[in-house]
């Protein structure tokens, strides 16, 4: 990956849904703590609204989407905007792999929701490391 390139993590909006909140929490964990050197995030609404700076960023940099549900709004919007989508994650897939966790809450996730967000963040961070050659 060129040194001036970053990986853009784009979570769904998922407003009012626990799984959307989990996706956003995972995104912040990735860009703030796990892979701060080579990732950044942007708001899905900016992609949807056609913000020129955001569209330029997602076309020039590899993108990873995180969707809360099978509607895949983040993935579909990045694809429709001709973004460089390299991987898409679904919170429901991570939930399937951690059936013992019962996430709850929207504004504030319960402890199990936070554990699920961290598990998802770790999973995405592995992909970031693969793409960036372990330089996160």
C-alpha atoms as a PDB file:
ATOM      1  CA  UNK A   1       0.000   0.000   0.000  1.00  0.00           C
ATOM      2  CA  UNK A   2       1.486   3.397  -0.950  1.00  0.00           C
ATOM      3  CA  UNK A   3       2.526   5.444   2.083  1.00  0.00           C
ATOM      4  CA  UNK A   4       0.162   8.339   1.287  1.00  0.00           C
ATOM      5  CA  UNK A   5      -2.808   5.975   1.027  1.00  0.00           C
ATOM      6  CA  UNK A   6      -5.123   5.102   3.898  1.00  0.00           C
ATOM      7  CA  UNK A   7      -7.862   2.530   4.336  1.00  0.00           C
ATOM      8  CA  UNK A   8     -11.255   4.153   4.753  1.00  0.00           C
ATOM      9  CA  UNK A   9     -13.626   2.375   7.145  1.00  0.00           C
ATOM     10  CA  UNK A  10     -17.258   3.269   6.438  1.00  0.00           C
ATOM     11  CA  UNK A  11     -19.900   2.049   8.892  1.00  0.00           C
ATOM     12  CA  UNK A  12     -23.612   2.064   8.208  1.00  0.00           C
ATOM     13  CA  UNK A  13     -25.724   4.695   9.852  1.00  0.00           C
ATOM     14  CA  UNK A  14     -27.961   2.155  11.583  1.00  0.00           C
ATOM     15  CA  UNK A  15     -29.556   4.878  13.656  1.00  0.00           C
ATOM     16  CA  UNK A  16     -31.831   3.444  16.302  1.00  0.00           C
ATOM     17  CA  UNK A  17     -30.447  -0.078  15.956  1.00  0.00           C
ATOM     18  CA  UNK A  18     -28.061  -1.912  18.271  1.00  0.00           C
ATOM     19  CA  UNK A  19     -26.233  -3.570  15.378  1.00  0.00           C
ATOM     20  CA  UNK A  20     -25.598  -0.216  13.717  1.00  0.00           C
ATOM     21  CA  UNK A  21     -24.183   1.098  16.980  1.00  0.00           C
ATOM     22  CA  UNK A  22     -21.935  -1.961  17.200  1.00  0.00           C
ATOM     23  CA  UNK A  23     -20.615  -1.250  13.699  1.00  0.00           C
ATOM     24  CA  UNK A  24     -19.871   2.372  14.557  1.00  0.00           C
ATOM     25  CA  UNK A  25     -18.192   1.451  17.862  1.00  0.00           C
ATOM     26  CA  UNK A  26     -16.048  -1.108  16.030  1.00  0.00           C
ATOM     27  CA  UNK A  27     -15.068   1.546  13.472  1.00  0.00           C
ATOM     28  CA  UNK A  28     -13.945   3.978  16.164  1.00  0.00           C
ATOM     29  CA  UNK A  29     -11.988   1.204  17.883  1.00  0.00           C
ATOM     30  CA  UNK A  30     -10.173   0.496  14.605  1.00  0.00           C
ATOM     31  CA  UNK A  31      -9.330   4.074  13.621  1.00  0.00           C
ATOM     32  CA  UNK A  32      -8.622   5.344  17.147  1.00  0.00           C
ATOM     33  CA  UNK A  33      -6.832   2.426  18.782  1.00  0.00           C
ATOM     34  CA  UNK A  34      -6.123  -0.658  16.672  1.00  0.00           C
ATOM     35  CA  UNK A  35      -4.986   0.824  13.349  1.00  0.00           C
ATOM     36  CA  UNK A  36      -4.672   4.608  13.753  1.00  0.00           C
ATOM     37  CA  UNK A  37      -1.689   5.039  11.424  1.00  0.00           C
ATOM     38  CA  UNK A  38      -3.341   3.885   8.225  1.00  0.00           C
ATOM     39  CA  UNK A  39      -7.109   4.097   8.652  1.00  0.00           C
ATOM     40  CA  UNK A  40      -9.683   6.820   8.777  1.00  0.00           C
ATOM     41  CA  UNK A  41     -13.440   6.946   8.683  1.00  0.00           C
ATOM     42  CA  UNK A  42     -16.118   9.033   7.104  1.00  0.00           C
ATOM     43  CA  UNK A  43     -19.839   9.415   7.507  1.00  0.00           C
ATOM     44  CA  UNK A  44     -21.989   7.302   5.198  1.00  0.00           C
ATOM     45  CA  UNK A  45     -24.340  10.274   4.739  1.00  0.00           C
ATOM     46  CA  UNK A  46     -21.513  12.189   3.030  1.00  0.00           C
ATOM     47  CA  UNK A  47     -21.130   9.332   0.552  1.00  0.00           C
ATOM     48  CA  UNK A  48     -24.878   9.157  -0.025  1.00  0.00           C
ATOM     49  CA  UNK A  49     -25.206  12.925  -0.490  1.00  0.00           C
ATOM     50  CA  UNK A  50     -22.341  12.970  -2.998  1.00  0.00           C
ATOM     51  CA  UNK A  51     -19.955  15.175  -1.032  1.00  0.00           C
ATOM     52  CA  UNK A  52     -17.127  15.731  -3.528  1.00  0.00           C
ATOM     53  CA  UNK A  53     -14.258  15.504  -1.024  1.00  0.00           C
ATOM     54  CA  UNK A  54     -15.649  12.269   0.407  1.00  0.00           C
ATOM     55  CA  UNK A  55     -16.240  10.743  -3.023  1.00  0.00           C
ATOM     56  CA  UNK A  56     -12.673  11.590  -4.022  1.00  0.00           C
ATOM     57  CA  UNK A  57     -11.381   9.937  -0.836  1.00  0.00           C
ATOM     58  CA  UNK A  58     -13.314   6.672  -1.364  1.00  0.00           C
ATOM     59  CA  UNK A  59     -12.281   6.489  -5.027  1.00  0.00           C
ATOM     60  CA  UNK A  60      -8.583   7.059  -4.278  1.00  0.00           C
ATOM     61  CA  UNK A  61      -8.278   4.817  -1.211  1.00  0.00           C
ATOM     62  CA  UNK A  62      -9.238   1.232  -0.428  1.00  0.00           C
ATOM     63  CA  UNK A  63     -12.500   1.045   1.522  1.00  0.00           C
ATOM     64  CA  UNK A  64     -13.940  -1.391   4.033  1.00  0.00           C
ATOM     65  CA  UNK A  65     -17.616  -1.174   4.886  1.00  0.00           C
ATOM     66  CA  UNK A  66     -19.269  -2.342   8.087  1.00  0.00           C
ATOM     67  CA  UNK A  67     -23.008  -2.928   7.854  1.00  0.00           C
ATOM     68  CA  UNK A  68     -25.293  -3.688  10.754  1.00  0.00           C
ATOM     69  CA  UNK A  69     -27.833  -5.671   8.751  1.00  0.00           C
ATOM     70  CA  UNK A  70     -28.202  -7.575   5.468  1.00  0.00           C
ATOM     71  CA  UNK A  71     -29.540  -4.446   3.716  1.00  0.00           C
ATOM     72  CA  UNK A  72     -25.841  -3.511   3.316  1.00  0.00           C
ATOM     73  CA  UNK A  73     -26.454   0.231   2.922  1.00  0.00           C
ATOM     74  CA  UNK A  74     -22.796   1.158   3.406  1.00  0.00           C
ATOM     75  CA  UNK A  75     -21.579  -1.420   0.900  1.00  0.00           C
ATOM     76  CA  UNK A  76     -24.209  -0.508  -1.691  1.00  0.00           C
ATOM     77  CA  UNK A  77     -23.559   3.223  -1.402  1.00  0.00           C
ATOM     78  CA  UNK A  78     -19.786   2.836  -1.722  1.00  0.00           C
ATOM     79  CA  UNK A  79     -20.273   0.604  -4.769  1.00  0.00           C
ATOM     80  CA  UNK A  80     -22.794   3.020  -6.330  1.00  0.00           C
ATOM     81  CA  UNK A  81     -20.293   5.861  -5.821  1.00  0.00           C
ATOM     82  CA  UNK A  82     -17.512   3.894  -7.536  1.00  0.00           C
ATOM     83  CA  UNK A  83     -15.507   3.648  -4.333  1.00  0.00           C
ATOM     84  CA  UNK A  84     -12.608   1.187  -4.047  1.00  0.00           C
ATOM     85  CA  UNK A  85     -14.444  -1.380  -1.940  1.00  0.00           C
ATOM     86  CA  UNK A  86     -12.024  -4.129  -0.960  1.00  0.00           C
ATOM     87  CA  UNK A  87     -13.975  -5.827   1.826  1.00  0.00           C
ATOM     88  CA  UNK A  88     -17.367  -5.652   3.461  1.00  0.00           C
ATOM     89  CA  UNK A  89     -18.283  -6.862   6.945  1.00  0.00           C
ATOM     90  CA  UNK A  90     -21.702  -7.600   8.442  1.00  0.00           C
ATOM     91  CA  UNK A  91     -22.282  -7.263  12.178  1.00  0.00           C
ATOM     92  CA  UNK A  92     -24.774 -10.131  11.908  1.00  0.00           C
ATOM     93  CA  UNK A  93     -21.966 -12.449  10.702  1.00  0.00           C
ATOM     94  CA  UNK A  94     -19.863 -11.583  13.746  1.00  0.00           C
ATOM     95  CA  UNK A  95     -22.925 -12.090  15.948  1.00  0.00           C
ATOM     96  CA  UNK A  96     -23.388 -15.556  14.412  1.00  0.00           C
ATOM     97  CA  UNK A  97     -19.818 -16.389  15.443  1.00  0.00           C
ATOM     98  CA  UNK A  98     -20.475 -15.156  18.993  1.00  0.00           C
ATOM     99  CA  UNK A  99     -23.965 -16.527  19.686  1.00  0.00           C
ATOM    100  CA  UNK A 100     -23.358 -16.306  23.425  1.00  0.00           C
ATOM    101  CA  UNK A 101     -23.405 -12.492  23.251  1.00  0.00           C
ATOM    102  CA  UNK A 102     -26.762 -10.733  23.467  1.00  0.00           C
ATOM    103  CA  UNK A 103     -26.166  -7.089  22.512  1.00  0.00           C
ATOM    104  CA  UNK A 104     -28.636  -4.519  23.715  1.00  0.00           C
ATOM    105  CA  UNK A 105     -28.846  -0.754  23.756  1.00  0.00           C
ATOM    106  CA  UNK A 106     -28.596   1.960  21.162  1.00  0.00           C
ATOM    107  CA  UNK A 107     -27.005   5.055  22.646  1.00  0.00           C
ATOM    108  CA  UNK A 108     -25.142   3.004  25.250  1.00  0.00           C
ATOM    109  CA  UNK A 109     -24.440  -0.630  24.458  1.00  0.00           C
ATOM    110  CA  UNK A 110     -24.525  -3.222  27.198  1.00  0.00           C
ATOM    111  CA  UNK A 111     -21.322  -5.101  28.075  1.00  0.00           C
ATOM    112  CA  UNK A 112     -22.103  -7.867  25.583  1.00  0.00           C
ATOM    113  CA  UNK A 113     -22.658  -5.322  22.806  1.00  0.00           C
ATOM    114  CA  UNK A 114     -19.278  -3.772  23.569  1.00  0.00           C
ATOM    115  CA  UNK A 115     -17.647  -7.218  23.483  1.00  0.00           C
ATOM    116  CA  UNK A 116     -19.215  -7.847  20.085  1.00  0.00           C
ATOM    117  CA  UNK A 117     -17.995  -4.469  18.805  1.00  0.00           C
ATOM    118  CA  UNK A 118     -14.473  -5.310  19.996  1.00  0.00           C
ATOM    119  CA  UNK A 119     -14.605  -8.749  18.351  1.00  0.00           C
ATOM    120  CA  UNK A 120     -15.678  -7.144  15.074  1.00  0.00           C
ATOM    121  CA  UNK A 121     -12.976  -4.485  15.373  1.00  0.00           C
ATOM    122  CA  UNK A 122     -10.312  -7.173  15.844  1.00  0.00           C
ATOM    123  CA  UNK A 123     -11.615  -9.021  12.787  1.00  0.00           C
ATOM    124  CA  UNK A 124     -11.530  -5.898  10.622  1.00  0.00           C
ATOM    125  CA  UNK A 125      -8.100  -4.940  11.986  1.00  0.00           C
ATOM    126  CA  UNK A 126      -6.717  -8.274  10.715  1.00  0.00           C
ATOM    127  CA  UNK A 127      -7.900  -7.336   7.224  1.00  0.00           C
ATOM    128  CA  UNK A 128      -6.346  -3.880   7.580  1.00  0.00           C
ATOM    129  CA  UNK A 129      -3.047  -5.509   8.587  1.00  0.00           C
ATOM    130  CA  UNK A 130      -3.188  -7.857   5.578  1.00  0.00           C
ATOM    131  CA  UNK A 131      -3.799  -4.953   3.187  1.00  0.00           C
ATOM    132  CA  UNK A 132      -1.223  -2.658   4.733  1.00  0.00           C
ATOM    133  CA  UNK A 133       1.439  -5.304   5.173  1.00  0.00           C
ATOM    134  CA  UNK A 134       1.148  -5.227   8.965  1.00  0.00           C
ATOM    135  CA  UNK A 135       1.880  -1.510   9.263  1.00  0.00           C
ATOM    136  CA  UNK A 136      -1.050  -0.455  11.393  1.00  0.00           C
END
